[in-house]
Every structure is written in structure tokens, then in C-alpha cells.
């Protein structure tokens, strides 16, 4: 796990630009956090960094938005806030969004926890102050190390760097 401090929305966007090239299909990225912690801001900035042009809208009401990245990869953004576990989640078309050529971002993943495979990358965003957030990143050791180094190079405070320990297997998409 890597812990970081995102001191502003601008730093959240810079962190997204660090993550964008590290995520390769197939990848499932879950993003947890209270309302207003910057989940959609982070995903929108990753989409932009991956070449998405035009409107990148929040899927709060539509549940899902799909885009194409600069190299033709599918980029899906799901927001499960309005889904409840059980019947709602069981009816969702998961296979449409978890393809091998896709990077899929899921906000509020708890609603789909029984249907979703294990995430390659799990992000938690927490309020610190009205403008700053704490971020915790869970992924393979190699991914965490690359993200921590990239964040530090962008002037983002790394509170808890990757610790030396047994190397975890690199899940697909978390190169």
C-alpha cells in the first residue's frame, strides 16, 4: 500500500496523469471514498491523459460511460452509487464492461462486490481538509513503486512509500 496526500484538486489531476500510463488492459480499478473526495475528478483526468477528447461526464445517473483511448483501448467508467446489492447488481451487464481490451474504473464498488473480479488497483480517497485528500493505493508492488515514484516527481507528498517485502504477482493491467 502507498499512502499519499493530494493537497488540492490540481494534485489529484497530476496524480491521475501519473496513473494513466501505468494502467494497461485488462485492468479493473476500484475507487472508494465519500461524496466529494475526488473520485470522478481522478477518473476524468485519467481519461484525458489517455487521449479522451470531448465531454467526460460523470455516470452518476447513467451508471456507465464508455470511451476510447488514444490507442483504441476501451475505457469504462462505472458509478454504482445508485445500485444496491442483490437484484440491482445482478441485473447489471458486467460482461459489457470487463473485457480483455478494457480499463474499467468503478466508483462505489461495494454494490457490485459479489459480481466484480478482484481489482488490479484499489484506490481509497479520504477527506483531510476541505481541499486536500488522503489517498491509499493498493496494487502490485511494482505498480505501487512506479506510482509512488511518479507522484513524488510531480511534487505529491508520499506519506507511506512501498515497503520492501515479498514481491506480489503483477495482476493483469497493473504493469
N, C-alpha and C. Protein backbone atom coordinates (compact mmCIF):
# COMPACT_ATOMS: atom_id res chain seq x y z
N UNK A 1 0.85 -1.18 0.00
CA UNK A 1 0.00 0.00 0.00
C UNK A 1 0.88 1.23 0.00
N UNK A 2 0.46 2.23 -0.76
CA UNK A 2 1.12 3.52 -0.79
C UNK A 2 0.11 4.55 -0.30
N UNK A 3 0.51 5.40 0.62
CA UNK A 3 -0.36 6.48 1.10
C UNK A 3 0.22 7.80 0.60
N UNK A 4 -0.67 8.67 0.13
CA UNK A 4 -0.26 9.97 -0.39
C UNK A 4 -1.17 11.05 0.14
N UNK A 5 -0.70 12.29 0.08
CA UNK A 5 -1.54 13.45 0.37
C UNK A 5 -1.72 14.22 -0.93
N UNK A 6 -2.97 14.38 -1.34
CA UNK A 6 -3.31 15.17 -2.51
C UNK A 6 -3.79 16.52 -1.98
N UNK A 7 -2.91 17.52 -2.05
CA UNK A 7 -3.13 18.80 -1.38
C UNK A 7 -4.18 19.68 -2.05
N UNK A 8 -4.58 19.34 -3.26
CA UNK A 8 -5.54 20.17 -3.99
C UNK A 8 -6.14 19.35 -5.13
N UNK A 9 -7.21 19.87 -5.74
CA UNK A 9 -7.73 19.19 -6.93
C UNK A 9 -6.69 19.12 -8.05
N UNK A 10 -5.83 20.11 -8.15
CA UNK A 10 -4.77 20.09 -9.17
C UNK A 10 -3.82 18.92 -8.92
N UNK A 11 -3.50 18.63 -7.66
CA UNK A 11 -2.64 17.49 -7.37
C UNK A 11 -3.36 16.17 -7.65
N UNK A 12 -4.66 16.13 -7.44
CA UNK A 12 -5.43 14.94 -7.80
C UNK A 12 -5.31 14.69 -9.29
N UNK A 13 -5.41 15.74 -10.09
CA UNK A 13 -5.28 15.59 -11.54
C UNK A 13 -3.86 15.18 -11.93
N UNK A 14 -2.85 15.72 -11.24
CA UNK A 14 -1.47 15.32 -11.53
C UNK A 14 -1.25 13.85 -11.18
N UNK A 15 -1.81 13.41 -10.06
CA UNK A 15 -1.70 12.00 -9.68
C UNK A 15 -2.38 11.12 -10.73
N UNK A 16 -3.50 11.56 -11.26
CA UNK A 16 -4.19 10.81 -12.32
C UNK A 16 -3.29 10.68 -13.54
N UNK A 17 -2.58 11.72 -13.88
CA UNK A 17 -1.67 11.66 -15.04
C UNK A 17 -0.50 10.70 -14.78
N UNK A 18 -0.12 10.53 -13.52
CA UNK A 18 0.90 9.54 -13.15
C UNK A 18 0.34 8.13 -13.37
N UNK A 19 -0.90 7.91 -12.94
CA UNK A 19 -1.50 6.58 -13.02
C UNK A 19 -1.85 6.16 -14.45
N UNK A 20 -2.24 7.11 -15.27
CA UNK A 20 -2.78 6.81 -16.61
C UNK A 20 -1.89 5.87 -17.43
N UNK A 21 -0.60 6.14 -17.59
CA UNK A 21 0.20 5.23 -18.43
C UNK A 21 0.53 3.89 -17.75
N UNK A 22 0.35 3.81 -16.45
CA UNK A 22 0.62 2.56 -15.73
C UNK A 22 -0.49 1.54 -15.91
N UNK A 23 -1.68 2.00 -16.24
CA UNK A 23 -2.85 1.12 -16.37
C UNK A 23 -2.95 0.58 -17.79
N UNK A 24 -2.84 -0.73 -17.93
CA UNK A 24 -2.92 -1.36 -19.24
C UNK A 24 -4.01 -2.42 -19.22
N UNK A 25 -4.78 -2.52 -20.31
CA UNK A 25 -5.84 -3.54 -20.38
C UNK A 25 -5.28 -4.95 -20.27
N UNK A 26 -6.02 -5.86 -19.67
CA UNK A 26 -7.26 -5.63 -18.93
C UNK A 26 -6.95 -5.15 -17.52
N UNK A 27 -7.67 -4.16 -17.07
CA UNK A 27 -7.48 -3.64 -15.72
C UNK A 27 -8.81 -3.22 -15.12
N UNK A 28 -9.00 -3.60 -13.88
CA UNK A 28 -10.15 -3.16 -13.11
C UNK A 28 -9.61 -2.30 -11.97
N UNK A 29 -10.08 -1.07 -11.92
CA UNK A 29 -9.65 -0.11 -10.91
C UNK A 29 -10.87 0.28 -10.09
N UNK A 30 -10.85 -0.01 -8.80
CA UNK A 30 -11.96 0.41 -7.94
C UNK A 30 -11.53 1.65 -7.17
N UNK A 31 -12.50 2.55 -6.99
CA UNK A 31 -12.22 3.82 -6.31
C UNK A 31 -13.29 4.01 -5.25
N UNK A 32 -12.83 4.04 -4.00
CA UNK A 32 -13.73 4.18 -2.87
C UNK A 32 -13.50 5.54 -2.21
N UNK A 33 -14.54 6.06 -1.59
CA UNK A 33 -14.43 7.31 -0.86
C UNK A 33 -15.78 7.97 -0.72
N UNK A 34 -15.88 8.82 0.27
CA UNK A 34 -17.13 9.54 0.50
C UNK A 34 -17.43 10.48 -0.66
N UNK A 35 -18.64 11.01 -0.68
CA UNK A 35 -19.00 12.02 -1.67
C UNK A 35 -18.03 13.19 -1.57
N UNK A 36 -17.61 13.69 -2.71
CA UNK A 36 -16.76 14.87 -2.74
C UNK A 36 -15.29 14.64 -2.49
N UNK A 37 -14.84 13.38 -2.52
CA UNK A 37 -13.41 13.13 -2.27
C UNK A 37 -12.58 13.19 -3.55
N UNK A 38 -13.21 13.34 -4.70
CA UNK A 38 -12.45 13.50 -5.94
C UNK A 38 -12.39 12.26 -6.81
N UNK A 39 -13.29 11.31 -6.60
CA UNK A 39 -13.28 10.08 -7.40
C UNK A 39 -13.47 10.39 -8.88
N UNK A 40 -14.50 11.14 -9.21
CA UNK A 40 -14.77 11.46 -10.61
C UNK A 40 -13.69 12.37 -11.18
N UNK A 41 -13.19 13.30 -10.39
CA UNK A 41 -12.10 14.17 -10.85
C UNK A 41 -10.90 13.33 -11.26
N UNK A 42 -10.56 12.34 -10.46
CA UNK A 42 -9.44 11.46 -10.75
C UNK A 42 -9.67 10.68 -12.04
N UNK A 43 -10.84 10.06 -12.18
CA UNK A 43 -11.12 9.27 -13.37
C UNK A 43 -11.14 10.17 -14.60
N UNK A 44 -11.77 11.32 -14.52
CA UNK A 44 -11.83 12.25 -15.66
C UNK A 44 -10.42 12.62 -16.12
N UNK A 45 -9.52 12.87 -15.18
CA UNK A 45 -8.15 13.25 -15.54
C UNK A 45 -7.39 12.07 -16.13
N UNK A 46 -7.64 10.86 -15.67
CA UNK A 46 -7.02 9.69 -16.29
C UNK A 46 -7.52 9.54 -17.73
N UNK A 47 -8.82 9.71 -17.93
CA UNK A 47 -9.38 9.62 -19.28
C UNK A 47 -8.73 10.64 -20.21
N UNK A 48 -8.60 11.86 -19.73
CA UNK A 48 -7.95 12.92 -20.53
C UNK A 48 -6.51 12.53 -20.87
N UNK A 49 -5.78 12.03 -19.88
CA UNK A 49 -4.38 11.65 -20.09
C UNK A 49 -4.26 10.48 -21.06
N UNK A 50 -5.30 9.69 -21.19
CA UNK A 50 -5.29 8.55 -22.11
C UNK A 50 -5.85 8.93 -23.48
N UNK A 51 -6.10 10.22 -23.68
CA UNK A 51 -6.47 10.70 -25.01
C UNK A 51 -7.94 10.91 -25.27
N UNK A 52 -8.79 10.78 -24.27
CA UNK A 52 -10.22 11.00 -24.48
C UNK A 52 -10.46 12.50 -24.66
N UNK A 53 -11.13 12.85 -25.72
CA UNK A 53 -11.49 14.25 -26.01
C UNK A 53 -13.00 14.38 -25.94
N UNK A 54 -13.49 15.60 -25.88
CA UNK A 54 -14.92 15.80 -25.76
C UNK A 54 -15.34 15.68 -24.30
N UNK A 55 -16.62 15.64 -24.10
CA UNK A 55 -17.16 15.60 -22.73
C UNK A 55 -16.84 14.27 -22.05
N UNK A 56 -16.34 14.36 -20.84
CA UNK A 56 -16.14 13.19 -19.98
C UNK A 56 -17.06 13.43 -18.79
N UNK A 57 -18.22 12.80 -18.85
CA UNK A 57 -19.26 13.09 -17.87
C UNK A 57 -19.31 12.04 -16.77
N UNK A 58 -19.83 12.45 -15.64
CA UNK A 58 -20.00 11.54 -14.52
C UNK A 58 -21.14 10.58 -14.82
N UNK A 59 -20.95 9.29 -14.58
CA UNK A 59 -22.03 8.34 -14.81
C UNK A 59 -22.96 8.16 -13.61
N UNK A 60 -23.09 9.19 -12.79
CA UNK A 60 -23.91 9.09 -11.58
C UNK A 60 -25.34 8.63 -11.87
N UNK A 61 -25.92 9.11 -12.96
CA UNK A 61 -27.31 8.76 -13.26
C UNK A 61 -27.42 7.69 -14.33
N UNK A 62 -26.43 7.60 -15.22
CA UNK A 62 -26.47 6.61 -16.29
C UNK A 62 -25.82 5.29 -15.88
N UNK A 63 -25.10 5.26 -14.78
CA UNK A 63 -24.36 4.13 -14.23
C UNK A 63 -23.06 3.83 -14.97
N UNK A 64 -23.01 4.08 -16.28
CA UNK A 64 -21.80 3.76 -17.03
C UNK A 64 -21.60 4.72 -18.19
N UNK A 65 -20.35 5.04 -18.45
CA UNK A 65 -19.94 5.81 -19.63
C UNK A 65 -18.76 5.07 -20.23
N UNK A 66 -18.71 5.00 -21.54
CA UNK A 66 -17.61 4.33 -22.22
C UNK A 66 -16.95 5.27 -23.21
N UNK A 67 -15.63 5.11 -23.35
CA UNK A 67 -14.82 5.96 -24.20
C UNK A 67 -13.78 5.09 -24.89
N UNK A 68 -13.07 5.68 -25.82
CA UNK A 68 -11.92 5.04 -26.46
C UNK A 68 -10.69 5.89 -26.19
N UNK A 69 -9.61 5.23 -25.79
CA UNK A 69 -8.35 5.91 -25.55
C UNK A 69 -7.61 6.14 -26.85
N UNK A 70 -6.49 6.82 -26.76
CA UNK A 70 -5.74 7.19 -27.96
C UNK A 70 -5.24 5.98 -28.75
N UNK A 71 -5.10 4.83 -28.14
CA UNK A 71 -4.64 3.63 -28.84
C UNK A 71 -5.79 2.67 -29.13
N UNK A 72 -7.01 3.14 -29.02
CA UNK A 72 -8.18 2.32 -29.34
C UNK A 72 -8.69 1.48 -28.19
N UNK A 73 -8.03 1.56 -27.02
CA UNK A 73 -8.47 0.75 -25.88
C UNK A 73 -9.81 1.26 -25.35
N UNK A 74 -10.62 0.33 -24.87
CA UNK A 74 -11.89 0.68 -24.24
C UNK A 74 -11.62 1.20 -22.83
N UNK A 75 -12.26 2.30 -22.51
CA UNK A 75 -12.17 2.90 -21.17
C UNK A 75 -13.59 3.03 -20.64
N UNK A 76 -13.87 2.36 -19.55
CA UNK A 76 -15.22 2.39 -18.98
C UNK A 76 -15.17 3.03 -17.61
N UNK A 77 -16.19 3.83 -17.33
CA UNK A 77 -16.32 4.49 -16.03
C UNK A 77 -17.69 4.14 -15.48
N UNK A 78 -17.71 3.35 -14.40
CA UNK A 78 -18.97 2.94 -13.77
C UNK A 78 -19.11 3.63 -12.43
N UNK A 79 -20.31 4.04 -12.12
CA UNK A 79 -20.62 4.64 -10.82
C UNK A 79 -21.79 3.86 -10.25
N UNK A 80 -21.51 3.04 -9.24
CA UNK A 80 -22.53 2.14 -8.69
C UNK A 80 -23.27 2.72 -7.49
N UNK A 81 -23.13 4.02 -7.27
CA UNK A 81 -23.73 4.66 -6.10
C UNK A 81 -25.22 4.38 -6.00
N UNK A 82 -25.92 4.36 -7.12
CA UNK A 82 -27.37 4.19 -7.10
C UNK A 82 -27.81 2.72 -7.18
N UNK A 83 -26.86 1.81 -7.26
CA UNK A 83 -27.20 0.38 -7.27
C UNK A 83 -27.18 -0.17 -5.85
N UNK A 84 -28.05 -1.11 -5.61
CA UNK A 84 -27.98 -1.81 -4.33
C UNK A 84 -27.53 -3.24 -4.61
N UNK A 85 -26.93 -3.84 -3.62
CA UNK A 85 -26.52 -5.23 -3.77
C UNK A 85 -27.75 -6.08 -4.03
N UNK A 86 -27.53 -7.21 -4.64
CA UNK A 86 -28.64 -8.11 -4.90
C UNK A 86 -29.25 -7.86 -6.26
N UNK A 87 -30.55 -7.66 -6.29
CA UNK A 87 -31.27 -7.59 -7.56
C UNK A 87 -30.71 -6.53 -8.51
N UNK A 88 -30.44 -5.32 -8.02
CA UNK A 88 -29.90 -4.27 -8.89
C UNK A 88 -28.58 -4.70 -9.50
N UNK A 89 -27.67 -5.14 -8.68
CA UNK A 89 -26.35 -5.52 -9.15
C UNK A 89 -26.41 -6.76 -10.04
N UNK A 90 -27.31 -7.68 -9.74
CA UNK A 90 -27.42 -8.90 -10.54
C UNK A 90 -27.90 -8.61 -11.96
N UNK A 91 -28.64 -7.55 -12.15
CA UNK A 91 -29.16 -7.20 -13.47
C UNK A 91 -28.17 -6.39 -14.31
N UNK A 92 -27.11 -5.91 -13.70
CA UNK A 92 -26.15 -5.06 -14.41
C UNK A 92 -25.37 -5.90 -15.43
N UNK A 93 -25.08 -5.33 -16.57
CA UNK A 93 -24.39 -6.04 -17.66
C UNK A 93 -22.87 -6.01 -17.48
N UNK A 94 -22.38 -6.70 -16.46
CA UNK A 94 -20.96 -6.67 -16.11
C UNK A 94 -20.06 -7.02 -17.27
N UNK A 95 -20.42 -8.05 -18.04
CA UNK A 95 -19.56 -8.52 -19.13
C UNK A 95 -19.31 -7.44 -20.18
N UNK A 96 -20.22 -6.50 -20.32
CA UNK A 96 -20.04 -5.42 -21.29
C UNK A 96 -18.87 -4.50 -20.90
N UNK A 97 -18.49 -4.51 -19.65
CA UNK A 97 -17.50 -3.55 -19.16
C UNK A 97 -16.21 -4.19 -18.66
N UNK A 98 -16.14 -5.49 -18.60
CA UNK A 98 -14.96 -6.16 -18.05
C UNK A 98 -14.22 -6.96 -19.11
N UNK A 99 -14.12 -6.41 -20.32
CA UNK A 99 -13.48 -7.10 -21.44
C UNK A 99 -11.96 -7.06 -21.32
N UNK A 100 -11.31 -7.92 -22.09
CA UNK A 100 -9.85 -8.01 -22.02
C UNK A 100 -9.15 -6.81 -22.65
N UNK A 101 -9.87 -6.03 -23.45
CA UNK A 101 -9.25 -4.85 -24.06
C UNK A 101 -9.60 -3.56 -23.32
N UNK A 102 -10.09 -3.68 -22.08
CA UNK A 102 -10.63 -2.53 -21.37
C UNK A 102 -9.87 -2.20 -20.09
N UNK A 103 -9.86 -0.90 -19.80
CA UNK A 103 -9.51 -0.42 -18.47
C UNK A 103 -10.83 0.10 -17.90
N UNK A 104 -11.26 -0.49 -16.80
CA UNK A 104 -12.57 -0.18 -16.22
C UNK A 104 -12.40 0.41 -14.83
N UNK A 105 -13.00 1.57 -14.62
CA UNK A 105 -12.98 2.26 -13.34
C UNK A 105 -14.34 2.11 -12.69
N UNK A 106 -14.38 1.73 -11.42
CA UNK A 106 -15.64 1.53 -10.72
C UNK A 106 -15.64 2.35 -9.44
N UNK A 107 -16.50 3.37 -9.41
CA UNK A 107 -16.74 4.13 -8.18
C UNK A 107 -17.82 3.41 -7.40
N UNK A 108 -17.74 3.46 -6.07
CA UNK A 108 -18.70 2.81 -5.18
C UNK A 108 -18.79 1.32 -5.50
N UNK A 109 -17.69 0.59 -5.49
CA UNK A 109 -17.69 -0.81 -5.92
C UNK A 109 -18.43 -1.77 -4.99
N UNK A 110 -18.76 -1.37 -3.78
CA UNK A 110 -19.40 -2.29 -2.83
C UNK A 110 -20.69 -2.89 -3.39
N UNK A 111 -21.45 -2.12 -4.16
CA UNK A 111 -22.71 -2.63 -4.69
C UNK A 111 -22.49 -3.82 -5.61
N UNK A 112 -21.36 -3.85 -6.29
CA UNK A 112 -21.08 -4.94 -7.21
C UNK A 112 -20.06 -5.92 -6.70
N UNK A 113 -19.78 -5.87 -5.41
CA UNK A 113 -18.69 -6.68 -4.86
C UNK A 113 -18.83 -8.17 -5.11
N UNK A 114 -20.04 -8.67 -5.18
CA UNK A 114 -20.24 -10.10 -5.39
C UNK A 114 -20.06 -10.48 -6.86
N UNK A 115 -20.20 -9.51 -7.76
CA UNK A 115 -20.10 -9.80 -9.20
C UNK A 115 -18.75 -9.41 -9.79
N UNK A 116 -18.06 -8.49 -9.15
CA UNK A 116 -16.80 -7.99 -9.70
C UNK A 116 -15.64 -8.93 -9.39
N UNK A 117 -14.72 -9.09 -10.35
CA UNK A 117 -13.50 -9.83 -10.03
C UNK A 117 -12.62 -8.95 -9.13
N UNK A 118 -11.53 -9.52 -8.65
CA UNK A 118 -10.61 -8.75 -7.81
C UNK A 118 -10.04 -7.59 -8.63
N UNK A 119 -9.93 -6.45 -7.99
CA UNK A 119 -9.39 -5.26 -8.65
C UNK A 119 -7.88 -5.39 -8.81
N UNK A 120 -7.37 -4.92 -9.94
CA UNK A 120 -5.92 -4.82 -10.14
C UNK A 120 -5.36 -3.69 -9.30
N UNK A 121 -6.15 -2.61 -9.22
CA UNK A 121 -5.76 -1.43 -8.46
C UNK A 121 -6.97 -1.00 -7.64
N UNK A 122 -6.73 -0.76 -6.36
CA UNK A 122 -7.79 -0.26 -5.49
C UNK A 122 -7.32 1.05 -4.90
N UNK A 123 -8.12 2.09 -5.08
CA UNK A 123 -7.82 3.41 -4.55
C UNK A 123 -8.86 3.78 -3.52
N UNK A 124 -8.39 4.37 -2.43
CA UNK A 124 -9.28 4.92 -1.41
C UNK A 124 -8.94 6.39 -1.27
N UNK A 125 -9.96 7.24 -1.34
CA UNK A 125 -9.79 8.67 -1.16
C UNK A 125 -10.54 9.11 0.08
N UNK A 126 -9.87 9.87 0.94
CA UNK A 126 -10.46 10.32 2.20
C UNK A 126 -10.29 11.82 2.36
N UNK A 127 -11.30 12.46 2.92
CA UNK A 127 -11.20 13.90 3.22
C UNK A 127 -10.13 14.14 4.28
N UNK A 128 -9.28 15.13 4.07
CA UNK A 128 -8.34 15.61 5.10
C UNK A 128 -8.79 16.99 5.55
N UNK A 129 -8.85 17.91 4.59
CA UNK A 129 -9.32 19.28 4.81
C UNK A 129 -10.34 19.55 3.71
N UNK A 130 -10.95 20.73 3.68
CA UNK A 130 -11.91 20.99 2.60
C UNK A 130 -11.31 20.84 1.19
N UNK A 131 -9.99 21.03 1.04
CA UNK A 131 -9.39 20.93 -0.30
C UNK A 131 -8.43 19.74 -0.46
N UNK A 132 -7.96 19.17 0.61
CA UNK A 132 -6.96 18.11 0.47
C UNK A 132 -7.56 16.74 0.80
N UNK A 133 -6.92 15.72 0.24
CA UNK A 133 -7.38 14.35 0.40
C UNK A 133 -6.20 13.45 0.74
N UNK A 134 -6.50 12.39 1.44
CA UNK A 134 -5.54 11.30 1.61
C UNK A 134 -5.91 10.26 0.57
N UNK A 135 -4.91 9.66 -0.02
CA UNK A 135 -5.14 8.61 -1.00
C UNK A 135 -4.34 7.38 -0.56
N UNK A 136 -4.98 6.23 -0.65
CA UNK A 136 -4.31 4.96 -0.40
C UNK A 136 -4.45 4.12 -1.66
N UNK A 137 -3.32 3.63 -2.13
CA UNK A 137 -3.27 2.86 -3.35
C UNK A 137 -2.84 1.43 -3.01
N UNK A 138 -3.63 0.47 -3.46
CA UNK A 138 -3.33 -0.95 -3.26
C UNK A 138 -3.20 -1.59 -4.64
N UNK A 139 -2.04 -2.17 -4.92
CA UNK A 139 -1.80 -2.83 -6.21
C UNK A 139 -0.60 -3.74 -6.05
N UNK A 140 -0.05 -4.18 -7.16
CA UNK A 140 1.17 -4.98 -7.10
C UNK A 140 2.30 -4.08 -6.58
N UNK A 141 3.35 -4.68 -6.06
CA UNK A 141 4.49 -3.92 -5.56
C UNK A 141 5.08 -3.06 -6.67
N UNK A 142 5.21 -3.63 -7.88
CA UNK A 142 5.80 -2.88 -8.99
C UNK A 142 4.93 -1.67 -9.35
N UNK A 143 3.62 -1.85 -9.36
CA UNK A 143 2.72 -0.75 -9.69
C UNK A 143 2.80 0.33 -8.60
N UNK A 144 2.74 -0.09 -7.35
CA UNK A 144 2.82 0.86 -6.24
C UNK A 144 4.13 1.66 -6.30
N UNK A 145 5.24 0.97 -6.56
CA UNK A 145 6.53 1.64 -6.63
C UNK A 145 6.55 2.68 -7.74
N UNK A 146 6.07 2.31 -8.92
CA UNK A 146 6.03 3.24 -10.04
C UNK A 146 5.12 4.43 -9.74
N UNK A 147 3.99 4.17 -9.12
CA UNK A 147 3.05 5.25 -8.78
C UNK A 147 3.66 6.19 -7.74
N UNK A 148 4.33 5.62 -6.73
CA UNK A 148 4.95 6.45 -5.68
C UNK A 148 6.07 7.31 -6.27
N UNK A 149 6.90 6.73 -7.12
CA UNK A 149 7.99 7.49 -7.73
C UNK A 149 7.45 8.59 -8.63
N UNK A 150 6.43 8.26 -9.42
CA UNK A 150 5.82 9.26 -10.30
C UNK A 150 5.17 10.39 -9.52
N UNK A 151 4.48 10.03 -8.43
CA UNK A 151 3.83 11.04 -7.60
C UNK A 151 4.87 11.97 -6.98
N UNK A 152 5.94 11.40 -6.44
CA UNK A 152 6.99 12.22 -5.82
C UNK A 152 7.60 13.16 -6.85
N UNK A 153 7.81 12.67 -8.07
CA UNK A 153 8.37 13.51 -9.13
C UNK A 153 7.44 14.66 -9.49
N UNK A 154 6.14 14.49 -9.25
CA UNK A 154 5.15 15.54 -9.52
C UNK A 154 4.94 16.46 -8.31
N UNK A 155 5.72 16.27 -7.26
CA UNK A 155 5.59 17.11 -6.07
C UNK A 155 4.46 16.72 -5.14
N UNK A 156 3.98 15.50 -5.29
CA UNK A 156 2.91 14.99 -4.44
C UNK A 156 3.55 14.30 -3.24
N UNK A 157 3.06 14.62 -2.06
CA UNK A 157 3.62 14.06 -0.83
C UNK A 157 3.28 12.59 -0.70
N UNK A 158 4.32 11.76 -0.64
CA UNK A 158 4.15 10.32 -0.42
C UNK A 158 4.33 10.10 1.08
N UNK A 159 3.25 9.78 1.77
CA UNK A 159 3.27 9.63 3.22
C UNK A 159 3.79 8.27 3.66
N UNK A 160 3.46 7.26 2.89
CA UNK A 160 3.88 5.90 3.22
C UNK A 160 4.28 5.21 1.93
N UNK A 161 5.58 5.15 1.67
CA UNK A 161 6.02 4.52 0.42
C UNK A 161 5.90 3.01 0.50
N UNK A 162 6.08 2.39 -0.63
CA UNK A 162 6.06 0.94 -0.71
C UNK A 162 7.16 0.41 0.19
N UNK A 163 6.84 -0.58 0.97
CA UNK A 163 7.85 -1.19 1.84
C UNK A 163 8.47 -2.38 1.13
N UNK A 164 9.72 -2.62 1.43
CA UNK A 164 10.37 -3.80 0.87
C UNK A 164 9.75 -5.02 1.49
N UNK A 165 9.31 -5.89 0.67
CA UNK A 165 8.70 -7.12 1.14
C UNK A 165 8.62 -8.08 -0.01
N UNK A 166 7.96 -9.18 0.19
CA UNK A 166 7.86 -10.13 -0.92
C UNK A 166 7.13 -9.49 -2.09
N UNK A 167 7.66 -9.66 -3.26
CA UNK A 167 7.03 -9.08 -4.46
C UNK A 167 5.72 -9.78 -4.74
N UNK A 168 4.70 -9.00 -4.89
CA UNK A 168 3.39 -9.57 -5.23
C UNK A 168 3.35 -9.85 -6.72
N UNK A 169 2.53 -10.80 -7.11
CA UNK A 169 2.33 -11.05 -8.52
C UNK A 169 1.69 -9.83 -9.13
N UNK A 170 2.09 -9.50 -10.34
CA UNK A 170 1.52 -8.33 -11.01
C UNK A 170 0.22 -8.77 -11.67
N UNK A 171 -0.92 -8.22 -11.20
CA UNK A 171 -2.18 -8.59 -11.83
C UNK A 171 -2.24 -8.01 -13.23
N UNK A 172 -3.05 -8.61 -14.13
CA UNK A 172 -3.19 -8.05 -15.46
C UNK A 172 -3.58 -6.58 -15.36
N UNK A 173 -3.02 -5.78 -16.22
CA UNK A 173 -3.36 -4.37 -16.28
C UNK A 173 -2.63 -3.50 -15.30
N UNK A 174 -1.92 -4.06 -14.37
CA UNK A 174 -1.22 -3.25 -13.36
C UNK A 174 0.28 -3.41 -13.56
N UNK A 175 0.73 -3.05 -14.75
CA UNK A 175 2.15 -3.24 -15.08
C UNK A 175 3.05 -2.31 -14.31
